[in-house]
Amino acid sequence: MHITLVLDHPYMLESSENIPHKRSYSAAIAQNAIEMLQRSGHSVDVIDLQKDRYNPVLDRQGLLNWRTKEYVDTQSMNYLQRLRVADEIIFIFPLWWEIMPAMTKGFIDKVFCKGQVKKLAGKHLILDPKTKIRVLTACGTPQFIYSWHYRNPLGKMLKIGVFGKLGLKDFKLVNFNAEDQSEQKRMKNLKQLKKYLL
């Protein structure tokens, strides 16, 4: 399979090593996922939003393009072309205030622009309906609190409000509560990523 992995963390993919004050569990998830997928014979295209200096802001001209053209800007168009050839798309980011960081939100706003959305029988077919969507987050909130108290805002937004509207049904979200776990548990989770992907 061909997989496109979208990472959003200020420290970028290079922070995947366990070096105090220079590490990111999101990056560690991404790096381990890449290595696991490549070992299994899959090709992986990595979009590192911070490294690319992606601008998530939809400005006045961008909104006009969103409404009238095929793309908001050339970088967003490039990203969409890379998503379109993927059998599986993996998003990896930390949860901040119970939702994704600004770059991921801007990525969704700008990459899935109106000019690219094609409608057929009420379904948006911007991507192949068989495309798998996987979302892996590093979360400071325990899962049961996130699900029961906050009512899983990210899952609802992405599964129903974004990918459901795009006609993509094969969706999985996994929150890793890394802050409250021992290093042994965090490392164990990294070794078991395969069960959350593919």
Protein backbone atom coordinates (compact mmCIF):
# COMPACT_ATOMS: atom_id res chain seq x y z
CA MET A 1 0.00 0.00 0.00
CA HIS A 2 0.96 3.64 -0.40
CA ILE A 3 0.52 5.66 2.77
CA THR A 4 0.60 9.42 3.34
CA LEU A 5 1.46 10.45 6.88
CA VAL A 6 0.68 14.00 8.06
CA LEU A 7 2.57 15.13 11.17
CA ASP A 8 1.86 18.33 13.08
CA HIS A 9 4.19 19.13 15.97
CA PRO A 10 6.39 22.21 16.49
CA TYR A 11 9.46 20.03 17.14
CA MET A 12 8.98 18.24 13.79
CA LEU A 13 9.82 14.62 12.96
CA GLU A 14 13.43 15.08 14.07
CA SER A 15 12.25 15.19 17.72
CA SER A 16 11.38 11.48 17.73
CA GLU A 17 14.42 10.53 19.84
CA ASN A 18 13.97 10.43 23.62
CA ILE A 19 16.12 13.49 24.43
CA PRO A 20 14.78 15.60 27.34
CA HIS A 21 13.43 19.02 26.29
CA LYS A 22 13.93 18.10 22.61
CA ARG A 23 11.44 15.27 22.28
CA SER A 24 7.90 14.79 21.07
CA TYR A 25 5.79 11.69 21.60
CA SER A 26 3.84 12.61 18.46
CA ALA A 27 7.10 12.52 16.50
CA ALA A 28 8.03 9.22 18.16
CA ILE A 29 4.68 7.77 17.06
CA ALA A 30 5.29 9.05 13.52
CA GLN A 31 8.86 7.74 13.28
CA ASN A 32 7.93 4.31 14.62
CA ALA A 33 4.92 4.13 12.30
CA ILE A 34 7.09 5.01 9.29
CA GLU A 35 9.67 2.37 10.15
CA MET A 36 7.05 -0.29 10.87
CA LEU A 37 5.19 0.39 7.61
CA GLN A 38 8.36 0.40 5.52
CA ARG A 39 9.51 -2.87 7.10
CA SER A 40 6.16 -4.34 6.06
CA GLY A 41 6.78 -3.31 2.44
CA HIS A 42 4.59 -0.22 2.27
CA SER A 43 5.69 3.11 0.80
CA VAL A 44 5.30 6.17 3.04
CA ASP A 45 5.08 9.81 1.98
CA VAL A 46 5.64 12.12 4.97
CA ILE A 47 4.09 15.58 5.18
CA ASP A 48 5.72 17.40 8.12
CA LEU A 49 3.61 20.55 8.35
CA GLN A 50 5.96 22.42 10.67
CA LYS A 51 9.03 21.58 8.59
CA ASP A 52 7.16 22.72 5.48
CA ARG A 53 6.24 25.99 7.28
CA TYR A 54 2.65 25.44 6.23
CA ASN A 55 0.45 28.51 6.67
CA PRO A 56 -2.89 27.32 8.11
CA VAL A 57 -4.59 30.73 7.83
CA LEU A 58 -7.34 31.03 5.24
CA ASP A 59 -7.09 34.71 4.30
CA ARG A 60 -9.38 36.79 2.09
CA GLN A 61 -7.80 35.72 -1.19
CA GLY A 62 -7.63 32.14 0.01
CA LEU A 63 -11.35 32.14 0.78
CA LEU A 64 -12.09 33.53 -2.66
CA ASN A 65 -9.95 30.77 -4.17
CA TRP A 66 -11.68 28.22 -1.90
CA ARG A 67 -15.03 29.26 -3.34
CA THR A 68 -14.13 29.74 -7.00
CA LYS A 69 -10.98 27.85 -7.94
CA GLU A 70 -9.63 24.32 -7.79
CA TYR A 71 -7.25 25.10 -4.94
CA VAL A 72 -6.64 27.65 -2.18
CA ASP A 73 -2.87 27.82 -2.78
CA THR A 74 -0.26 25.72 -4.55
CA GLN A 75 1.06 24.11 -1.35
CA SER A 76 -2.41 22.91 -0.37
CA MET A 77 -2.95 21.61 -3.90
CA ASN A 78 0.32 19.69 -3.68
CA TYR A 79 -0.82 18.13 -0.42
CA LEU A 80 -4.16 17.10 -1.90
CA GLN A 81 -2.46 15.43 -4.85
CA ARG A 82 -0.34 13.45 -2.41
CA LEU A 83 -3.43 12.42 -0.41
CA ARG A 84 -5.27 11.31 -3.54
CA VAL A 85 -2.74 8.60 -4.37
CA ALA A 86 -2.76 7.20 -0.82
CA ASP A 87 -4.48 3.97 0.18
CA GLU A 88 -4.27 5.13 3.78
CA ILE A 89 -3.84 8.58 5.34
CA ILE A 90 -2.41 8.85 8.85
CA PHE A 91 -2.70 12.05 10.87
CA ILE A 92 -0.46 12.41 13.94
CA PHE A 93 -0.56 15.36 16.32
CA PRO A 94 -0.91 16.32 20.00
CA LEU A 95 -4.28 17.27 21.45
CA TRP A 96 -4.35 20.87 22.65
CA TRP A 97 -7.49 22.06 24.46
CA GLU A 98 -9.07 18.73 23.47
CA ILE A 99 -8.68 19.37 19.72
CA MET A 100 -5.99 19.40 17.02
CA PRO A 101 -3.33 22.13 16.63
CA ALA A 102 -3.90 25.04 14.24
CA MET A 103 -1.82 23.62 11.38
CA THR A 104 -3.89 20.44 11.19
CA LYS A 105 -7.14 22.42 11.29
CA GLY A 106 -5.86 24.76 8.59
CA PHE A 107 -4.71 21.76 6.55
CA ILE A 108 -8.25 20.39 6.59
CA ASP A 109 -9.79 23.80 5.83
CA LYS A 110 -7.50 24.55 2.90
CA VAL A 111 -6.66 21.18 1.35
CA PHE A 112 -10.28 20.04 1.11
CA CYS A 113 -11.40 23.17 -0.70
CA LYS A 114 -14.75 23.61 -2.40
CA GLY A 115 -13.27 23.69 -5.89
CA GLN A 116 -11.93 20.17 -5.39
CA VAL A 117 -15.08 18.64 -3.98
CA LYS A 118 -17.05 16.62 -6.54
CA LYS A 119 -20.60 15.59 -5.66
CA LEU A 120 -22.26 12.38 -6.74
CA ALA A 121 -25.50 11.16 -5.16
CA GLY A 122 -24.95 13.56 -2.28
CA LYS A 123 -21.45 12.28 -1.48
CA HIS A 124 -18.25 14.31 -1.73
CA LEU A 125 -15.70 12.30 -3.72
CA ILE A 126 -12.55 14.32 -3.21
CA LEU A 127 -10.79 11.07 -2.20
CA ASP A 128 -11.37 7.44 -3.11
CA PRO A 129 -14.10 6.13 -0.74
CA LYS A 130 -11.87 3.14 0.07
CA THR A 131 -9.15 5.38 1.52
CA LYS A 132 -8.39 4.49 5.14
CA ILE A 133 -8.13 7.31 7.67
CA ARG A 134 -6.11 6.81 10.86
CA VAL A 135 -5.65 9.50 13.52
CA LEU A 136 -3.09 9.00 16.28
CA THR A 137 -2.81 11.65 19.00
CA ALA A 138 -0.69 12.33 22.05
CA CYS A 139 -3.21 13.36 24.66
CA GLY A 140 -2.79 14.72 28.19
CA THR A 141 -6.34 13.78 29.15
CA PRO A 142 -7.12 10.17 30.18
CA GLN A 143 -9.24 8.43 27.55
CA PHE A 144 -12.28 7.83 29.77
CA ILE A 145 -12.40 11.53 30.71
CA TYR A 146 -11.94 12.56 27.08
CA SER A 147 -14.77 10.27 26.00
CA TRP A 148 -17.24 10.75 28.84
CA HIS A 149 -16.63 14.26 30.16
CA TYR A 150 -15.57 16.03 26.97
CA ARG A 151 -17.63 13.68 24.75
CA ASN A 152 -14.85 12.98 22.24
CA PRO A 153 -14.94 16.31 20.32
CA LEU A 154 -12.09 15.39 17.96
CA GLY A 155 -13.59 12.04 17.04
CA LYS A 156 -16.99 13.55 16.30
CA MET A 157 -15.54 16.40 14.28
CA LEU A 158 -13.30 14.23 12.13
CA LYS A 159 -15.37 11.05 11.76
CA ILE A 160 -18.73 12.73 11.16
CA GLY A 161 -18.02 16.36 10.31
CA VAL A 162 -15.07 15.90 7.96
CA PHE A 163 -14.41 12.40 6.65
CA GLY A 164 -18.01 11.25 6.93
CA LYS A 165 -19.03 14.13 4.67
CA LEU A 166 -16.28 13.12 2.26
CA GLY A 167 -17.71 9.60 2.07
CA LEU A 168 -14.80 7.95 3.93
CA LYS A 169 -16.07 5.26 6.31
CA ASP A 170 -12.86 3.44 7.30
CA PHE A 171 -11.89 5.76 10.17
CA LYS A 172 -10.00 5.02 13.40
CA LEU A 173 -8.88 7.38 16.16
CA VAL A 174 -6.43 6.39 18.92
CA ASN A 175 -5.46 8.75 21.75
CA PHE A 176 -2.21 7.91 23.54
CA ASN A 177 -2.24 9.36 27.07
CA ALA A 178 1.55 9.58 27.15
CA GLU A 179 1.82 12.10 30.01
CA ASP A 180 0.27 9.71 32.54
CA GLN A 181 2.09 6.60 31.36
CA SER A 182 5.42 5.15 32.40
CA GLU A 183 8.26 5.16 29.89
CA GLN A 184 7.88 1.37 29.67
CA LYS A 185 4.20 1.72 28.70
CA ARG A 186 4.96 4.45 26.17
CA MET A 187 7.62 2.31 24.53
CA LYS A 188 5.27 -0.68 24.49
CA ASN A 189 2.62 1.38 22.70
CA LEU A 190 5.17 2.42 20.06
CA LYS A 191 5.99 -1.24 19.39
CA GLN A 192 2.30 -2.09 18.95
CA LEU A 193 1.39 0.60 16.41
CA LYS A 194 0.68 -1.98 13.72
CA LYS A 195 -2.59 -2.97 15.36
CA TYR A 196 -3.90 0.60 15.00
CA LEU A 197 -2.86 0.98 11.36
CA LEU A 198 -3.61 -0.84 8.10
